[in-house]
Amino acid sequence: MEVRRISQQNINTLNKWAQGAIVRRKFTKIIVTNQIANLKYPDCYMDEKLKMSNERLFTDEEVQDMLDPQRGGKGLFWNNLY
């Protein structure tokens, strides 16, 4: 095995890149969470278009429960396999 040494400057650069990736993932999670929290119930079809009601699909408490790591989202998960 060959021992490789990484300079402190390169370690700092890699650390900054990793922190940026973490921030981007957290920001994306916030955006998706807001989109899910603001989903509306479908109301009816009019002129072949779906009209949404003003009532939200999830209450604030339900969204909080879904995101709570202690409760594990009530055993729910996203199924991305079709």
C-alpha atoms as a PDB file:
ATOM      1  CA  MET A   1       0.000   0.000   0.000  1.00  0.00           C
ATOM      2  CA  GLU A   2       1.134   3.477  -0.776  1.00  0.00           C
ATOM      3  CA  VAL A   3       0.830   6.209   1.838  1.00  0.00           C
ATOM      4  CA  ARG A   4      -0.549   9.414   0.409  1.00  0.00           C
ATOM      5  CA  ARG A   5      -0.448  12.752   2.138  1.00  0.00           C
ATOM      6  CA  ILE A   6      -2.994  15.492   1.622  1.00  0.00           C
ATOM      7  CA  SER A   7      -2.065  19.081   2.304  1.00  0.00           C
ATOM      8  CA  GLN A   8      -4.054  21.073   4.869  1.00  0.00           C
ATOM      9  CA  GLN A   9      -5.183  23.484   2.144  1.00  0.00           C
ATOM     10  CA  ASN A  10      -6.712  20.618   0.163  1.00  0.00           C
ATOM     11  CA  ILE A  11      -8.381  19.266   3.317  1.00  0.00           C
ATOM     12  CA  ASN A  12      -9.912  22.696   3.966  1.00  0.00           C
ATOM     13  CA  THR A  13     -11.165  22.877   0.375  1.00  0.00           C
ATOM     14  CA  LEU A  14     -12.775  19.430   0.638  1.00  0.00           C
ATOM     15  CA  ASN A  15     -14.349  20.410   3.946  1.00  0.00           C
ATOM     16  CA  LYS A  16     -15.898  23.536   2.374  1.00  0.00           C
ATOM     17  CA  TRP A  17     -17.282  21.458  -0.525  1.00  0.00           C
ATOM     18  CA  ALA A  18     -18.817  18.952   1.906  1.00  0.00           C
ATOM     19  CA  GLN A  19     -20.436  21.719   3.956  1.00  0.00           C
ATOM     20  CA  GLY A  20     -21.864  23.258   0.777  1.00  0.00           C
ATOM     21  CA  ALA A  21     -23.351  19.903  -0.249  1.00  0.00           C
ATOM     22  CA  ILE A  22     -24.972  19.489   3.177  1.00  0.00           C
ATOM     23  CA  VAL A  23     -26.508  22.966   2.966  1.00  0.00           C
ATOM     24  CA  ARG A  24     -27.841  22.289  -0.538  1.00  0.00           C
ATOM     25  CA  ARG A  25     -29.481  19.047   0.634  1.00  0.00           C
ATOM     26  CA  LYS A  26     -31.063  20.742   3.660  1.00  0.00           C
ATOM     27  CA  PHE A  27     -32.371  23.590   1.489  1.00  0.00           C
ATOM     28  CA  THR A  28     -33.873  21.105  -0.978  1.00  0.00           C
ATOM     29  CA  LYS A  29     -35.502  19.244   1.915  1.00  0.00           C
ATOM     30  CA  ILE A  30     -37.060  22.502   3.171  1.00  0.00           C
ATOM     31  CA  ILE A  31     -38.484  23.271  -0.279  1.00  0.00           C
ATOM     32  CA  VAL A  32     -39.960  19.771  -0.685  1.00  0.00           C
ATOM     33  CA  THR A  33     -41.380  19.864   2.852  1.00  0.00           C
ATOM     34  CA  ASN A  34     -43.123  23.176   2.122  1.00  0.00           C
ATOM     35  CA  GLN A  35     -44.545  21.799  -1.111  1.00  0.00           C
ATOM     36  CA  ILE A  36     -45.935  18.751   0.706  1.00  0.00           C
ATOM     37  CA  ALA A  37     -47.258  20.831   3.601  1.00  0.00           C
ATOM     38  CA  ASN A  38     -49.129  23.133   1.192  1.00  0.00           C
ATOM     39  CA  LEU A  39     -50.864  20.412  -0.832  1.00  0.00           C
ATOM     40  CA  LYS A  40     -54.595  21.023  -1.204  1.00  0.00           C
ATOM     41  CA  TYR A  41     -57.490  18.576  -1.391  1.00  0.00           C
ATOM     42  CA  PRO A  42     -58.882  18.096  -4.898  1.00  0.00           C
ATOM     43  CA  ASP A  43     -62.391  19.527  -5.007  1.00  0.00           C
ATOM     44  CA  CYS A  44     -63.991  18.751  -8.360  1.00  0.00           C
ATOM     45  CA  TYR A  45     -63.510  18.657 -12.122  1.00  0.00           C
ATOM     46  CA  MET A  46     -64.733  21.659 -14.065  1.00  0.00           C
ATOM     47  CA  ASP A  47     -64.097  22.123 -17.772  1.00  0.00           C
ATOM     48  CA  GLU A  48     -61.840  19.044 -17.691  1.00  0.00           C
ATOM     49  CA  LYS A  49     -59.574  20.681 -15.119  1.00  0.00           C
ATOM     50  CA  LEU A  50     -59.103  19.667 -11.519  1.00  0.00           C
ATOM     51  CA  LYS A  51     -60.124  22.386  -9.095  1.00  0.00           C
ATOM     52  CA  MET A  52     -58.427  22.377  -5.710  1.00  0.00           C
ATOM     53  CA  SER A  53     -60.195  23.330  -2.490  1.00  0.00           C
ATOM     54  CA  ASN A  54     -58.786  25.778   0.048  1.00  0.00           C
ATOM     55  CA  GLU A  55     -58.444  23.008   2.638  1.00  0.00           C
ATOM     56  CA  ARG A  56     -54.920  21.656   3.124  1.00  0.00           C
ATOM     57  CA  LEU A  57     -54.285  17.933   2.775  1.00  0.00           C
ATOM     58  CA  PHE A  58     -52.141  17.781   5.946  1.00  0.00           C
ATOM     59  CA  THR A  59     -52.466  19.813   9.120  1.00  0.00           C
ATOM     60  CA  ASP A  60     -49.389  21.370  10.712  1.00  0.00           C
ATOM     61  CA  GLU A  61     -49.434  18.670  13.400  1.00  0.00           C
ATOM     62  CA  GLU A  62     -49.485  15.885  10.802  1.00  0.00           C
ATOM     63  CA  VAL A  63     -46.543  17.408   8.925  1.00  0.00           C
ATOM     64  CA  GLN A  64     -44.660  17.743  12.205  1.00  0.00           C
ATOM     65  CA  ASP A  65     -45.371  14.078  13.019  1.00  0.00           C
ATOM     66  CA  MET A  66     -44.157  12.982   9.587  1.00  0.00           C
ATOM     67  CA  LEU A  67     -40.875  14.840  10.019  1.00  0.00           C
ATOM     68  CA  ASP A  68     -40.295  13.800  13.640  1.00  0.00           C
ATOM     69  CA  PRO A  69     -37.319  11.394  13.732  1.00  0.00           C
ATOM     70  CA  GLN A  70     -38.513   9.928  17.061  1.00  0.00           C
ATOM     71  CA  ARG A  71     -41.846   8.727  15.677  1.00  0.00           C
ATOM     72  CA  GLY A  72     -40.478   7.731  12.301  1.00  0.00           C
ATOM     73  CA  GLY A  73     -43.266   9.347  10.292  1.00  0.00           C
ATOM     74  CA  LYS A  74     -45.995   7.007  11.625  1.00  0.00           C
ATOM     75  CA  GLY A  75     -44.390   4.158   9.687  1.00  0.00           C
ATOM     76  CA  LEU A  76     -44.968   5.955   6.365  1.00  0.00           C
ATOM     77  CA  PHE A  77     -42.350   6.173   3.632  1.00  0.00           C
ATOM     78  CA  TRP A  78     -42.101   7.394   0.053  1.00  0.00           C
ATOM     79  CA  ASN A  79     -42.420   4.561  -2.442  1.00  0.00           C
ATOM     80  CA  ASN A  80     -40.437   5.634  -5.498  1.00  0.00           C
ATOM     81  CA  LEU A  81     -40.608   2.204  -7.145  1.00  0.00           C
ATOM     82  CA  TYR A  82     -43.357   1.767  -9.706  1.00  0.00           C
END
